[in-house]
Amino acid sequence: METNRHRGPERIAVLGSGPALASEDRDNTYFLFESVAGSLFIDCAGSPFHKLLKVGADPNELAGVMLTHSHPDHLYGLPSLVHELWLHGRRETLHVFANESTHRVSRDLLDVFQLRSKPLPLEWHVIPNDEEYPLLETDRYLVQTTPVRHEVPTCGVRITSFETGKVAAFSADTSPCPELISLARGADLLFHECSVDEPHPFHSTPEGVGEVAAEADVGQVILVHCHHNLVKEPYLSIAKISKRYHGEIRFAEDFDVYGL
């Protein structure tokens, strides 16, 4: 893990690591994938422009926003981002990637503030309901998406760096499922939600995280979207995950930065 300005080909900044109910230490979970070929938000929660600056990223290099699903804690920052990018002087198109239902919610939210058609041009891209769909490819990286199992249509994300050959996978909000295991197969980093103590149809327990990580044979697990009770005694969750998965496990914290 690195903690200073972007030095490598690509990096991932954790802009928030908490669950839907934020705490004084952890904002709602979302990420910045930073690349010289154009950076991407994965979801968009609190104070996105401020957090871009806080992790040393250039707002003008933000190519787009990829929204995993339509729950408030994953997209409520989009109007603020659009507005502040415009105030910053940006006039280049911002690309928004989301499945159909998330597109509808996002557009409605922007319409409340009259931000969809102006002042910043937006280009909308629909994420289809296909497994390991090649959503976006540049000369530096490939982004793929796969539907996962949540209360509303949701997609997990896989990013492959062509420069290093390394892979990061993001579970989004989900219970353990074969689709996620396939998406995360062989990833160097797996950012996995860990929201509940007991089995749940839409979220993952520590045991479930261990199952996915072991089956996918990932290099390292970074826990995000973690319930506050799990964070208070992290060793308990790590012990449960370690029953199935024997690689490195850590709880993400806001503003952690990982090289890819």
Protein backbone atom coordinates (compact mmCIF):
# COMPACT_ATOMS: atom_id res chain seq x y z
CA MET A 1 0.00 0.00 0.00
CA GLU A 2 1.18 3.51 -0.77
CA THR A 3 -0.08 6.66 0.88
CA ASN A 4 1.29 9.59 -1.16
CA ARG A 5 0.87 11.14 -4.60
CA HIS A 6 0.30 8.88 -7.59
CA ARG A 7 3.67 7.35 -8.47
CA GLY A 8 2.80 4.09 -10.20
CA PRO A 9 0.92 3.48 -13.44
CA GLU A 10 -2.43 3.16 -11.66
CA ARG A 11 -3.69 3.40 -8.10
CA ILE A 12 -6.89 2.95 -6.11
CA ALA A 13 -7.87 5.41 -3.40
CA VAL A 14 -10.49 4.42 -0.81
CA LEU A 15 -12.55 7.60 -0.49
CA GLY A 16 -14.91 5.98 2.01
CA SER A 17 -14.88 2.59 3.74
CA GLY A 18 -18.03 2.56 5.87
CA PRO A 19 -21.54 1.13 5.46
CA ALA A 20 -24.74 2.97 4.56
CA LEU A 21 -24.75 4.53 8.04
CA ALA A 22 -21.50 6.52 8.13
CA SER A 23 -19.51 7.12 11.31
CA GLU A 24 -17.16 9.83 12.51
CA ASP A 25 -14.24 7.79 11.14
CA ARG A 26 -15.69 6.15 8.03
CA ASP A 27 -17.67 7.74 5.22
CA ASN A 28 -19.86 5.71 2.86
CA THR A 29 -17.85 3.33 0.67
CA TYR A 30 -16.58 4.48 -2.71
CA PHE A 31 -13.31 4.56 -4.64
CA LEU A 32 -11.18 6.47 -7.11
CA PHE A 33 -9.30 4.48 -9.73
CA GLU A 34 -6.60 6.84 -10.96
CA SER A 35 -4.79 6.44 -14.28
CA VAL A 36 -3.00 8.65 -16.77
CA ALA A 37 -5.45 7.23 -19.33
CA GLY A 38 -8.37 8.77 -17.44
CA SER A 39 -9.52 8.21 -13.87
CA LEU A 40 -12.82 6.73 -12.70
CA PHE A 41 -14.98 6.93 -9.62
CA ILE A 42 -16.47 3.63 -8.53
CA ASP A 43 -19.64 4.94 -6.92
CA CYS A 44 -19.93 8.53 -5.72
CA ALA A 45 -20.72 9.35 -2.11
CA GLY A 46 -19.82 12.26 0.16
CA SER A 47 -17.81 15.36 -0.88
CA PRO A 48 -16.32 13.82 -4.03
CA PHE A 49 -14.51 16.92 -5.32
CA HIS A 50 -12.96 17.60 -1.92
CA LYS A 51 -11.79 14.00 -1.68
CA LEU A 52 -10.24 14.09 -5.15
CA LEU A 53 -8.08 16.96 -3.95
CA LYS A 54 -7.36 15.31 -0.59
CA VAL A 55 -5.81 12.24 -2.28
CA GLY A 56 -3.84 14.44 -4.68
CA ALA A 57 -5.85 13.63 -7.81
CA ASP A 58 -6.42 16.04 -10.69
CA PRO A 59 -10.17 16.70 -11.18
CA ASN A 60 -9.51 17.38 -14.87
CA GLU A 61 -8.29 13.80 -15.32
CA LEU A 62 -11.57 12.30 -14.09
CA ALA A 63 -13.01 10.58 -17.15
CA GLY A 64 -16.15 9.14 -15.61
CA VAL A 65 -18.23 7.73 -12.78
CA MET A 66 -19.20 4.06 -12.56
CA LEU A 67 -22.22 3.52 -10.30
CA THR A 68 -22.72 0.00 -8.99
CA HIS A 69 -26.35 0.41 -7.89
CA SER A 70 -29.05 2.88 -6.93
CA HIS A 71 -28.91 2.95 -3.13
CA PRO A 72 -28.34 6.47 -1.72
CA ASP A 73 -24.97 5.85 -0.10
CA HIS A 74 -23.50 4.89 -3.49
CA LEU A 75 -24.62 7.78 -5.67
CA TYR A 76 -25.79 10.77 -3.65
CA GLY A 77 -22.54 12.65 -4.31
CA LEU A 78 -23.08 12.77 -8.08
CA PRO A 79 -24.88 16.16 -8.17
CA SER A 80 -22.18 17.71 -6.00
CA LEU A 81 -19.45 16.30 -8.25
CA VAL A 82 -21.07 17.64 -11.43
CA HIS A 83 -21.67 21.06 -9.89
CA GLU A 84 -18.16 21.45 -8.46
CA LEU A 85 -16.43 20.23 -11.61
CA TRP A 86 -18.29 22.97 -13.48
CA LEU A 87 -17.36 25.58 -10.87
CA HIS A 88 -13.77 24.40 -11.23
CA GLY A 89 -13.95 25.33 -14.91
CA ARG A 90 -14.35 21.94 -16.50
CA ARG A 91 -16.27 21.82 -19.78
CA GLU A 92 -15.23 18.39 -21.03
CA THR A 93 -17.77 15.57 -21.06
CA LEU A 94 -18.09 13.41 -17.94
CA HIS A 95 -19.08 9.81 -18.68
CA VAL A 96 -21.57 8.07 -16.37
CA PHE A 97 -21.78 4.25 -16.38
CA ALA A 98 -24.67 2.46 -14.65
CA ASN A 99 -27.31 -0.21 -15.16
CA GLU A 100 -30.75 0.90 -16.35
CA SER A 101 -32.43 1.28 -12.95
CA THR A 102 -29.45 3.19 -11.54
CA HIS A 103 -29.47 5.45 -14.59
CA ARG A 104 -33.07 6.40 -13.90
CA VAL A 105 -32.37 7.27 -10.27
CA SER A 106 -29.23 9.21 -11.19
CA ARG A 107 -30.98 11.26 -13.83
CA ASP A 108 -33.85 12.06 -11.49
CA LEU A 109 -31.40 13.15 -8.79
CA LEU A 110 -29.57 15.46 -11.18
CA ASP A 111 -32.87 16.86 -12.44
CA VAL A 112 -33.75 18.00 -8.92
CA PHE A 113 -30.83 20.43 -9.16
CA GLN A 114 -31.22 21.10 -12.90
CA LEU A 115 -27.80 19.59 -13.53
CA ARG A 116 -28.50 16.88 -16.11
CA SER A 117 -28.42 18.99 -19.26
CA LYS A 118 -26.20 21.76 -17.96
CA PRO A 119 -23.73 23.11 -16.95
CA LEU A 120 -21.39 20.12 -17.48
CA PRO A 121 -21.97 17.82 -20.48
CA LEU A 122 -22.73 14.24 -19.45
CA GLU A 123 -22.64 11.11 -21.58
CA TRP A 124 -24.63 8.14 -20.28
CA HIS A 125 -23.59 4.51 -20.79
CA VAL A 126 -25.82 1.59 -19.82
CA ILE A 127 -24.18 -1.41 -18.14
CA PRO A 128 -25.91 -4.54 -19.49
CA ASN A 129 -26.88 -7.52 -17.38
CA ASP A 130 -23.98 -9.61 -18.74
CA GLU A 131 -21.30 -11.43 -16.81
CA GLU A 132 -17.73 -10.12 -17.15
CA TYR A 133 -18.90 -7.50 -19.62
CA PRO A 134 -16.03 -5.43 -21.14
CA LEU A 135 -17.36 -2.02 -20.16
CA LEU A 136 -14.38 0.17 -20.92
CA GLU A 137 -10.94 -0.40 -22.43
CA THR A 138 -8.07 2.04 -22.89
CA ASP A 139 -4.42 1.45 -23.75
CA ARG A 140 -3.75 1.28 -19.99
CA TYR A 141 -6.60 -0.72 -18.47
CA LEU A 142 -9.73 -2.83 -18.93
CA VAL A 143 -12.90 -2.45 -16.83
CA GLN A 144 -15.35 -5.37 -16.66
CA THR A 145 -18.66 -5.69 -14.82
CA THR A 146 -20.79 -8.57 -13.60
CA PRO A 147 -24.23 -8.62 -11.93
CA VAL A 148 -24.04 -9.62 -8.26
CA ARG A 149 -26.74 -10.45 -5.68
CA HIS A 150 -28.22 -7.46 -3.89
CA GLU A 151 -31.63 -5.95 -3.11
CA VAL A 152 -31.58 -3.91 -6.33
CA PRO A 153 -29.72 -4.56 -9.63
CA THR A 154 -26.02 -4.25 -8.76
CA CYS A 155 -22.76 -4.92 -10.52
CA GLY A 156 -19.34 -5.92 -9.29
CA VAL A 157 -16.28 -4.47 -11.02
CA ARG A 158 -12.94 -5.85 -12.23
CA ILE A 159 -10.07 -3.62 -13.37
CA THR A 160 -7.00 -5.01 -15.13
CA SER A 161 -3.89 -2.85 -15.51
CA PHE A 162 -2.12 -3.57 -18.80
CA GLU A 163 0.98 -1.82 -17.48
CA THR A 164 1.53 -4.15 -14.54
CA GLY A 165 -0.79 -7.06 -15.30
CA LYS A 166 -2.35 -6.67 -11.86
CA VAL A 167 -6.07 -6.93 -11.19
CA ALA A 168 -8.40 -5.33 -8.65
CA ALA A 169 -11.95 -6.56 -8.08
CA PHE A 170 -14.78 -4.78 -6.23
CA SER A 171 -17.68 -6.79 -4.84
CA ALA A 172 -20.09 -3.85 -4.48
CA ASP A 173 -22.97 -4.71 -2.12
CA THR A 174 -23.72 -8.42 -2.42
CA SER A 175 -24.10 -11.76 -0.75
CA PRO A 176 -21.56 -14.41 -1.81
CA CYS A 177 -22.34 -15.69 -5.30
CA PRO A 178 -20.71 -17.63 -8.16
CA GLU A 179 -20.81 -14.54 -10.37
CA LEU A 180 -18.59 -12.61 -7.98
CA ILE A 181 -16.19 -15.53 -7.57
CA SER A 182 -15.77 -15.70 -11.34
CA LEU A 183 -15.28 -11.93 -11.61
CA ALA A 184 -12.65 -11.89 -8.84
CA ARG A 185 -10.77 -14.98 -10.02
CA GLY A 186 -7.03 -14.50 -9.55
CA ALA A 187 -7.32 -10.80 -8.58
CA ASP A 188 -4.38 -9.28 -6.73
CA LEU A 189 -6.75 -7.10 -4.67
CA LEU A 190 -10.35 -7.88 -3.73
CA PHE A 191 -12.26 -4.99 -2.15
CA HIS A 192 -15.11 -6.92 -0.53
CA GLU A 193 -18.06 -5.67 1.50
CA CYS A 194 -18.49 -7.14 4.99
CA SER A 195 -21.76 -5.80 6.34
CA VAL A 196 -23.38 -8.42 8.58
CA ASP A 197 -22.69 -10.99 11.32
CA GLU A 198 -25.39 -13.45 10.24
CA PRO A 199 -26.21 -14.79 6.75
CA HIS A 200 -28.20 -12.26 4.74
CA PRO A 201 -29.69 -12.42 1.24
CA PHE A 202 -28.12 -9.11 0.16
CA HIS A 203 -24.89 -8.71 2.15
CA SER A 204 -21.81 -10.70 3.19
CA THR A 205 -20.63 -12.07 6.52
CA PRO A 206 -16.92 -12.57 7.31
CA GLU A 207 -17.41 -16.27 6.60
CA GLY A 208 -18.92 -15.38 3.22
CA VAL A 209 -15.98 -13.13 2.38
CA GLY A 210 -13.62 -15.99 3.21
CA GLU A 211 -15.55 -18.32 0.93
CA VAL A 212 -15.39 -15.92 -2.03
CA ALA A 213 -11.72 -15.05 -1.50
CA ALA A 214 -10.67 -18.69 -1.19
CA GLU A 215 -12.67 -19.86 -4.22
CA ALA A 216 -11.45 -16.94 -6.32
CA ASP A 217 -7.84 -17.44 -5.15
CA VAL A 218 -7.18 -13.73 -4.69
CA GLY A 219 -3.94 -12.22 -3.46
CA GLN A 220 -5.29 -9.88 -0.78
CA VAL A 221 -8.67 -9.01 0.72
CA ILE A 222 -9.51 -5.44 1.72
CA LEU A 223 -12.73 -5.19 3.74
CA VAL A 224 -15.04 -2.25 3.01
CA HIS A 225 -18.67 -1.27 3.72
CA CYS A 226 -18.09 -2.83 7.15
CA HIS A 227 -20.66 -2.73 9.91
CA HIS A 228 -19.40 -0.74 12.90
CA ASN A 229 -19.61 -3.76 15.20
CA LEU A 230 -17.22 -5.67 12.94
CA VAL A 231 -14.72 -2.80 12.92
CA LYS A 232 -14.70 -2.52 16.72
CA GLU A 233 -13.19 -6.00 17.07
CA PRO A 234 -11.51 -6.60 13.71
CA TYR A 235 -9.55 -9.65 14.84
CA LEU A 236 -12.80 -11.59 15.25
CA SER A 237 -13.80 -11.03 11.62
CA ILE A 238 -10.29 -11.74 10.38
CA ALA A 239 -10.28 -15.04 12.29
CA LYS A 240 -13.58 -16.06 10.68
CA ILE A 241 -12.34 -15.16 7.19
CA SER A 242 -9.06 -17.00 7.81
CA LYS A 243 -10.87 -20.30 8.34
CA ARG A 244 -11.35 -20.45 4.56
CA TYR A 245 -8.93 -17.89 3.13
CA HIS A 246 -5.24 -17.88 4.07
CA GLY A 247 -4.01 -14.75 2.32
CA GLU A 248 -3.58 -11.21 3.63
CA ILE A 249 -6.68 -9.52 5.10
CA ARG A 250 -7.06 -5.92 6.16
CA PHE A 251 -9.83 -3.49 7.02
CA ALA A 252 -9.75 -0.49 4.70
CA GLU A 253 -9.69 2.99 6.16
CA ASP A 254 -10.75 6.20 4.48
CA PHE A 255 -7.98 7.61 2.25
CA ASP A 256 -5.99 4.39 2.04
CA VAL A 257 -4.27 4.19 -1.36
CA TYR A 258 -3.25 0.98 -3.15
CA GLY A 259 -1.00 0.66 -6.16
CA LEU A 260 -2.18 -1.47 -9.05
